[in-house]
Amino acid sequence: RGIEVVERLAAAPGGRDYGLLTVLLGLHFHVEHVLDVPSHYFHPPPKVHSAVVRLSRREKPRAEVVSEARFR
């Protein structure tokens, strides 16, 4: 399930995984799926797959938003 979340965070516009969370993060950050982390690296091993995500702040927002609260 963790990898599914990464796919949603880093989804391209128009795709099935593109949604609210993608839009909200994408306004201020570049989202990059860095690597998958196998469950055997944890103790006890979880029943989900994990991943590392890099969020790099954009120099300026992707779009001009008059009210950040209203945008959300």
PDB file of N, CA and C in Angstrom:
ATOM      1  N   ARG A   1       0.820  -1.204   0.000  1.00  0.00           N
ATOM      2  CA  ARG A   1       0.000   0.000   0.000  1.00  0.00           C
ATOM      3  C   ARG A   1       0.858   1.261   0.000  1.00  0.00           C
ATOM      4  N   GLY A   2       2.008   1.229   0.646  1.00  0.00           N
ATOM      5  CA  GLY A   2       2.879   2.397   0.685  1.00  0.00           C
ATOM      6  C   GLY A   2       3.309   2.855  -0.692  1.00  0.00           C
ATOM      7  N   ILE A   3       3.559   1.899  -1.572  1.00  0.00           N
ATOM      8  CA  ILE A   3       3.982   2.248  -2.928  1.00  0.00           C
ATOM      9  C   ILE A   3       2.824   2.877  -3.692  1.00  0.00           C
ATOM     10  N   GLU A   4       1.607   2.442  -3.423  1.00  0.00           N
ATOM     11  CA  GLU A   4       0.442   3.055  -4.057  1.00  0.00           C
ATOM     12  C   GLU A   4       0.337   4.527  -3.667  1.00  0.00           C
ATOM     13  N   VAL A   5       0.667   4.846  -2.430  1.00  0.00           N
ATOM     14  CA  VAL A   5       0.632   6.235  -1.973  1.00  0.00           C
ATOM     15  C   VAL A   5       1.669   7.053  -2.733  1.00  0.00           C
ATOM     16  N   VAL A   6       2.867   6.507  -2.899  1.00  0.00           N
ATOM     17  CA  VAL A   6       3.916   7.208  -3.650  1.00  0.00           C
ATOM     18  C   VAL A   6       3.458   7.465  -5.076  1.00  0.00           C
ATOM     19  N   GLU A   7       2.825   6.488  -5.697  1.00  0.00           N
ATOM     20  CA  GLU A   7       2.344   6.667  -7.067  1.00  0.00           C
ATOM     21  C   GLU A   7       1.329   7.800  -7.135  1.00  0.00           C
ATOM     22  N   ARG A   8       0.493   7.927  -6.111  1.00  0.00           N
ATOM     23  CA  ARG A   8      -0.487   9.014  -6.083  1.00  0.00           C
ATOM     24  C   ARG A   8       0.201  10.363  -5.871  1.00  0.00           C
ATOM     25  N   LEU A   9       1.184  10.400  -4.989  1.00  0.00           N
ATOM     26  CA  LEU A   9       1.888  11.656  -4.707  1.00  0.00           C
ATOM     27  C   LEU A   9       2.617  12.182  -5.937  1.00  0.00           C
ATOM     28  N   ALA A  10       3.202  11.265  -6.710  1.00  0.00           N
ATOM     29  CA  ALA A  10       4.027  11.660  -7.851  1.00  0.00           C
ATOM     30  C   ALA A  10       3.299  11.546  -9.193  1.00  0.00           C
ATOM     31  N   ALA A  11       1.993  11.350  -9.178  1.00  0.00           N
ATOM     32  CA  ALA A  11       1.220  11.132 -10.410  1.00  0.00           C
ATOM     33  C   ALA A  11       1.235  12.355 -11.325  1.00  0.00           C
ATOM     34  N   ALA A  12       1.166  12.086 -12.613  1.00  0.00           N
ATOM     35  CA  ALA A  12       1.075  13.148 -13.618  1.00  0.00           C
ATOM     36  C   ALA A  12      -0.390  13.551 -13.801  1.00  0.00           C
ATOM     37  N   PRO A  13      -0.641  14.818 -14.139  1.00  0.00           N
ATOM     38  CA  PRO A  13      -2.027  15.268 -14.368  1.00  0.00           C
ATOM     39  C   PRO A  13      -2.736  14.414 -15.409  1.00  0.00           C
ATOM     40  N   GLY A  14      -4.008  14.146 -15.147  1.00  0.00           N
ATOM     41  CA  GLY A  14      -4.834  13.413 -16.090  1.00  0.00           C
ATOM     42  C   GLY A  14      -4.851  11.916 -15.877  1.00  0.00           C
ATOM     43  N   GLY A  15      -3.926  11.420 -15.065  1.00  0.00           N
ATOM     44  CA  GLY A  15      -3.867   9.980 -14.822  1.00  0.00           C
ATOM     45  C   GLY A  15      -4.840   9.537 -13.742  1.00  0.00           C
ATOM     46  N   ARG A  16      -5.023   8.239 -13.628  1.00  0.00           N
ATOM     47  CA  ARG A  16      -5.935   7.640 -12.662  1.00  0.00           C
ATOM     48  C   ARG A  16      -5.525   7.941 -11.221  1.00  0.00           C
ATOM     49  N   ASP A  17      -4.213   8.036 -10.964  1.00  0.00           N
ATOM     50  CA  ASP A  17      -3.714   8.251  -9.610  1.00  0.00           C
ATOM     51  C   ASP A  17      -3.644   9.720  -9.213  1.00  0.00           C
ATOM     52  N   TYR A  18      -3.871  10.616 -10.155  1.00  0.00           N
ATOM     53  CA  TYR A  18      -3.796  12.063  -9.892  1.00  0.00           C
ATOM     54  C   TYR A  18      -5.024  12.491  -9.089  1.00  0.00           C
ATOM     55  N   GLY A  19      -4.789  13.114  -7.935  1.00  0.00           N
ATOM     56  CA  GLY A  19      -5.919  13.503  -7.101  1.00  0.00           C
ATOM     57  C   GLY A  19      -5.599  14.706  -6.231  1.00  0.00           C
ATOM     58  N   LEU A  20      -6.421  14.912  -5.219  1.00  0.00           N
ATOM     59  CA  LEU A  20      -6.309  16.076  -4.349  1.00  0.00           C
ATOM     60  C   LEU A  20      -4.933  16.171  -3.693  1.00  0.00           C
ATOM     61  N   LEU A  21      -4.444  15.085  -3.126  1.00  0.00           N
ATOM     62  CA  LEU A  21      -3.147  15.109  -2.465  1.00  0.00           C
ATOM     63  C   LEU A  21      -2.039  15.466  -3.452  1.00  0.00           C
ATOM     64  N   THR A  22      -2.117  14.955  -4.668  1.00  0.00           N
ATOM     65  CA  THR A  22      -1.136  15.266  -5.712  1.00  0.00           C
ATOM     66  C   THR A  22      -1.133  16.766  -6.002  1.00  0.00           C
ATOM     67  N   VAL A  23      -2.306  17.341  -6.116  1.00  0.00           N
ATOM     68  CA  VAL A  23      -2.445  18.776  -6.420  1.00  0.00           C
ATOM     69  C   VAL A  23      -1.903  19.623  -5.275  1.00  0.00           C
ATOM     70  N   LEU A  24      -2.291  19.292  -4.048  1.00  0.00           N
ATOM     71  CA  LEU A  24      -1.861  20.083  -2.897  1.00  0.00           C
ATOM     72  C   LEU A  24      -0.342  20.053  -2.725  1.00  0.00           C
ATOM     73  N   LEU A  25       0.264  18.895  -2.835  1.00  0.00           N
ATOM     74  CA  LEU A  25       1.721  18.806  -2.718  1.00  0.00           C
ATOM     75  C   LEU A  25       2.419  19.442  -3.913  1.00  0.00           C
ATOM     76  N   GLY A  26       1.875  19.209  -5.099  1.00  0.00           N
ATOM     77  CA  GLY A  26       2.494  19.703  -6.324  1.00  0.00           C
ATOM     78  C   GLY A  26       2.534  21.211  -6.438  1.00  0.00           C
ATOM     79  N   LEU A  27       1.677  21.891  -5.695  1.00  0.00           N
ATOM     80  CA  LEU A  27       1.678  23.358  -5.732  1.00  0.00           C
ATOM     81  C   LEU A  27       3.014  23.903  -5.231  1.00  0.00           C
ATOM     82  N   HIS A  28       3.565  23.289  -4.190  1.00  0.00           N
ATOM     83  CA  HIS A  28       4.776  23.813  -3.555  1.00  0.00           C
ATOM     84  C   HIS A  28       6.007  22.912  -3.662  1.00  0.00           C
ATOM     85  N   PHE A  29       5.817  21.649  -4.091  1.00  0.00           N
ATOM     86  CA  PHE A  29       6.934  20.704  -4.088  1.00  0.00           C
ATOM     87  C   PHE A  29       7.042  19.915  -5.386  1.00  0.00           C
ATOM     88  N   HIS A  30       8.273  19.543  -5.730  1.00  0.00           N
ATOM     89  CA  HIS A  30       8.537  18.507  -6.723  1.00  0.00           C
ATOM     90  C   HIS A  30       8.530  17.209  -5.926  1.00  0.00           C
ATOM     91  N   VAL A  31       7.795  16.224  -6.381  1.00  0.00           N
ATOM     92  CA  VAL A  31       7.700  14.950  -5.667  1.00  0.00           C
ATOM     93  C   VAL A  31       8.424  13.886  -6.477  1.00  0.00           C
ATOM     94  N   GLU A  32       9.329  13.170  -5.817  1.00  0.00           N
ATOM     95  CA  GLU A  32      10.120  12.158  -6.514  1.00  0.00           C
ATOM     96  C   GLU A  32      10.129  10.851  -5.714  1.00  0.00           C
ATOM     97  N   HIS A  33       9.787   9.756  -6.362  1.00  0.00           N
ATOM     98  CA  HIS A  33       9.875   8.425  -5.769  1.00  0.00           C
ATOM     99  C   HIS A  33      11.343   8.021  -5.839  1.00  0.00           C
ATOM    100  N   VAL A  34      12.009   7.964  -4.696  1.00  0.00           N
ATOM    101  CA  VAL A  34      13.442   7.709  -4.652  1.00  0.00           C
ATOM    102  C   VAL A  34      13.747   6.216  -4.707  1.00  0.00           C
ATOM    103  N   LEU A  35      13.138   5.440  -3.810  1.00  0.00           N
ATOM    104  CA  LEU A  35      13.392   4.007  -3.810  1.00  0.00           C
ATOM    105  C   LEU A  35      12.345   3.266  -2.992  1.00  0.00           C
ATOM    106  N   ASP A  36      12.230   1.981  -3.268  1.00  0.00           N
ATOM    107  CA  ASP A  36      11.356   1.104  -2.499  1.00  0.00           C
ATOM    108  C   ASP A  36      12.164   0.519  -1.349  1.00  0.00           C
ATOM    109  N   VAL A  37      11.503   0.296  -0.224  1.00  0.00           N
ATOM    110  CA  VAL A  37      12.162  -0.283   0.942  1.00  0.00           C
ATOM    111  C   VAL A  37      11.469  -1.604   1.260  1.00  0.00           C
ATOM    112  N   PRO A  38      12.166  -2.734   1.068  1.00  0.00           N
ATOM    113  CA  PRO A  38      11.563  -4.043   1.348  1.00  0.00           C
ATOM    114  C   PRO A  38      11.169  -4.182   2.818  1.00  0.00           C
ATOM    115  N   SER A  39      10.123  -4.929   3.072  1.00  0.00           N
ATOM    116  CA  SER A  39       9.606  -5.073   4.438  1.00  0.00           C
ATOM    117  C   SER A  39      10.601  -5.745   5.380  1.00  0.00           C
ATOM    118  N   HIS A  40      11.537  -6.541   4.859  1.00  0.00           N
ATOM    119  CA  HIS A  40      12.484  -7.219   5.747  1.00  0.00           C
ATOM    120  C   HIS A  40      13.483  -6.265   6.409  1.00  0.00           C
ATOM    121  N   TYR A  41      13.502  -4.987   6.001  1.00  0.00           N
ATOM    122  CA  TYR A  41      14.353  -3.997   6.655  1.00  0.00           C
ATOM    123  C   TYR A  41      13.756  -3.497   7.967  1.00  0.00           C
ATOM    124  N   PHE A  42      12.542  -3.871   8.280  1.00  0.00           N
ATOM    125  CA  PHE A  42      11.855  -3.438   9.491  1.00  0.00           C
ATOM    126  C   PHE A  42      11.671  -4.616  10.440  1.00  0.00           C
ATOM    127  N   HIS A  43      11.570  -4.301  11.712  1.00  0.00           N
ATOM    128  CA  HIS A  43      11.295  -5.346  12.702  1.00  0.00           C
ATOM    129  C   HIS A  43      10.199  -4.857  13.639  1.00  0.00           C
ATOM    130  N   PRO A  44       9.107  -5.524  13.694  1.00  0.00           N
ATOM    131  CA  PRO A  44       8.706  -6.646  12.857  1.00  0.00           C
ATOM    132  C   PRO A  44       8.373  -6.163  11.445  1.00  0.00           C
ATOM    133  N   PRO A  45       8.481  -7.035  10.456  1.00  0.00           N
ATOM    134  CA  PRO A  45       8.201  -6.639   9.072  1.00  0.00           C
ATOM    135  C   PRO A  45       6.726  -6.246   8.905  1.00  0.00           C
ATOM    136  N   PRO A  46       6.465  -5.087   8.323  1.00  0.00           N
ATOM    137  CA  PRO A  46       5.076  -4.693   8.087  1.00  0.00           C
ATOM    138  C   PRO A  46       4.451  -5.510   6.963  1.00  0.00           C
ATOM    139  N   LYS A  47       3.143  -5.458   6.879  1.00  0.00           N
ATOM    140  CA  LYS A  47       2.430  -6.183   5.817  1.00  0.00           C
ATOM    141  C   LYS A  47       2.171  -5.286   4.608  1.00  0.00           C
ATOM    142  N   VAL A  48       2.870  -4.161   4.566  1.00  0.00           N
ATOM    143  CA  VAL A  48       2.757  -3.231   3.437  1.00  0.00           C
ATOM    144  C   VAL A  48       4.152  -2.986   2.868  1.00  0.00           C
ATOM    145  N   HIS A  49       4.204  -2.506   1.646  1.00  0.00           N
ATOM    146  CA  HIS A  49       5.471  -2.126   1.026  1.00  0.00           C
ATOM    147  C   HIS A  49       5.740  -0.670   1.370  1.00  0.00           C
ATOM    148  N   SER A  50       6.986  -0.326   1.554  1.00  0.00           N
ATOM    149  CA  SER A  50       7.352   1.043   1.911  1.00  0.00           C
ATOM    150  C   SER A  50       8.201   1.663   0.809  1.00  0.00           C
ATOM    151  N   ALA A  51       8.271   2.977   0.836  1.00  0.00           N
ATOM    152  CA  ALA A  51       9.059   3.697  -0.158  1.00  0.00           C
ATOM    153  C   ALA A  51       9.575   4.988   0.444  1.00  0.00           C
ATOM    154  N   VAL A  52      10.617   5.522  -0.162  1.00  0.00           N
ATOM    155  CA  VAL A  52      11.177   6.813   0.232  1.00  0.00           C
ATOM    156  C   VAL A  52      10.783   7.826  -0.839  1.00  0.00           C
ATOM    157  N   VAL A  53      10.295   8.971  -0.376  1.00  0.00           N
ATOM    158  CA  VAL A  53       9.857  10.041  -1.275  1.00  0.00           C
ATOM    159  C   VAL A  53      10.679  11.286  -0.967  1.00  0.00           C
ATOM    160  N   ARG A  54      11.125  11.969  -2.003  1.00  0.00           N
ATOM    161  CA  ARG A  54      11.834  13.231  -1.814  1.00  0.00           C
ATOM    162  C   ARG A  54      10.887  14.369  -2.203  1.00  0.00           C
ATOM    163  N   LEU A  55      10.716  15.305  -1.274  1.00  0.00           N
ATOM    164  CA  LEU A  55       9.935  16.510  -1.554  1.00  0.00           C
ATOM    165  C   LEU A  55      10.918  17.669  -1.636  1.00  0.00           C
ATOM    166  N   SER A  56      11.039  18.274  -2.810  1.00  0.00           N
ATOM    167  CA  SER A  56      11.929  19.419  -3.012  1.00  0.00           C
ATOM    168  C   SER A  56      11.066  20.648  -3.223  1.00  0.00           C
ATOM    169  N   ARG A  57      11.252  21.639  -2.359  1.00  0.00           N
ATOM    170  CA  ARG A  57      10.435  22.848  -2.443  1.00  0.00           C
ATOM    171  C   ARG A  57      10.700  23.589  -3.748  1.00  0.00           C
ATOM    172  N   ARG A  58       9.619  23.989  -4.399  1.00  0.00           N
ATOM    173  CA  ARG A  58       9.724  24.788  -5.630  1.00  0.00           C
ATOM    174  C   ARG A  58      10.163  26.208  -5.260  1.00  0.00           C
ATOM    175  N   GLU A  59      10.872  26.878  -6.156  1.00  0.00           N
ATOM    176  CA  GLU A  59      11.283  28.259  -5.902  1.00  0.00           C
ATOM    177  C   GLU A  59      10.068  29.165  -5.771  1.00  0.00           C
ATOM    178  N   LYS A  60       9.059  28.881  -6.576  1.00  0.00           N
ATOM    179  CA  LYS A  60       7.796  29.603  -6.466  1.00  0.00           C
ATOM    180  C   LYS A  60       6.682  28.597  -6.734  1.00  0.00           C
ATOM    181  N   PRO A  61       5.480  28.840  -6.212  1.00  0.00           N
ATOM    182  CA  PRO A  61       4.385  27.887  -6.420  1.00  0.00           C
ATOM    183  C   PRO A  61       4.130  27.632  -7.897  1.00  0.00           C
ATOM    184  N   ARG A  62       3.619  26.453  -8.178  1.00  0.00           N
ATOM    185  CA  ARG A  62       3.329  26.044  -9.553  1.00  0.00           C
ATOM    186  C   ARG A  62       2.266  26.924 -10.202  1.00  0.00           C
ATOM    187  N   ALA A  63       1.394  27.485  -9.386  1.00  0.00           N
ATOM    188  CA  ALA A  63       0.332  28.376  -9.870  1.00  0.00           C
ATOM    189  C   ALA A  63       0.106  29.472  -8.836  1.00  0.00           C
ATOM    190  N   GLU A  64      -0.418  30.586  -9.268  1.00  0.00           N
ATOM    191  CA  GLU A  64      -0.729  31.663  -8.339  1.00  0.00           C
ATOM    192  C   GLU A  64      -2.036  31.331  -7.624  1.00  0.00           C
ATOM    193  N   VAL A  65      -1.988  31.353  -6.307  1.00  0.00           N
ATOM    194  CA  VAL A  65      -3.158  31.053  -5.487  1.00  0.00           C
ATOM    195  C   VAL A  65      -3.404  32.253  -4.587  1.00  0.00           C
ATOM    196  N   VAL A  66      -4.564  32.871  -4.729  1.00  0.00           N
ATOM    197  CA  VAL A  66      -4.893  34.055  -3.952  1.00  0.00           C
ATOM    198  C   VAL A  66      -5.106  33.695  -2.485  1.00  0.00           C
ATOM    199  N   SER A  67      -5.841  32.632  -2.225  1.00  0.00           N
ATOM    200  CA  SER A  67      -6.123  32.178  -0.863  1.00  0.00           C
ATOM    201  C   SER A  67      -5.751  30.704  -0.730  1.00  0.00           C
ATOM    202  N   GLU A  68      -4.695  30.463   0.008  1.00  0.00           N
ATOM    203  CA  GLU A  68      -4.232  29.086   0.214  1.00  0.00           C
ATOM    204  C   GLU A  68      -5.319  28.259   0.924  1.00  0.00           C
ATOM    205  N   ALA A  69      -5.988  28.839   1.893  1.00  0.00           N
ATOM    206  CA  ALA A  69      -7.056  28.121   2.616  1.00  0.00           C
ATOM    207  C   ALA A  69      -8.206  27.760   1.681  1.00  0.00           C
ATOM    208  N   ARG A  70      -8.595  28.676   0.842  1.00  0.00           N
ATOM    209  CA  ARG A  70      -9.703  28.409  -0.087  1.00  0.00           C
ATOM    210  C   ARG A  70      -9.304  27.373  -1.143  1.00  0.00           C
ATOM    211  N   PHE A  71      -8.051  27.437  -1.562  1.00  0.00           N
ATOM    212  CA  PHE A  71      -7.528  26.471  -2.534  1.00  0.00           C
ATOM    213  C   PHE A  71      -7.660  25.047  -1.995  1.00  0.00           C
ATOM    214  N   ARG A  72      -7.307  24.889  -0.717  1.00  0.00           N
ATOM    215  CA  ARG A  72      -7.402  23.563  -0.089  1.00  0.00           C
ATOM    216  C   ARG A  72      -8.827  23.127   0.014  1.00  0.00           C
TER     217      ARG A  72
END
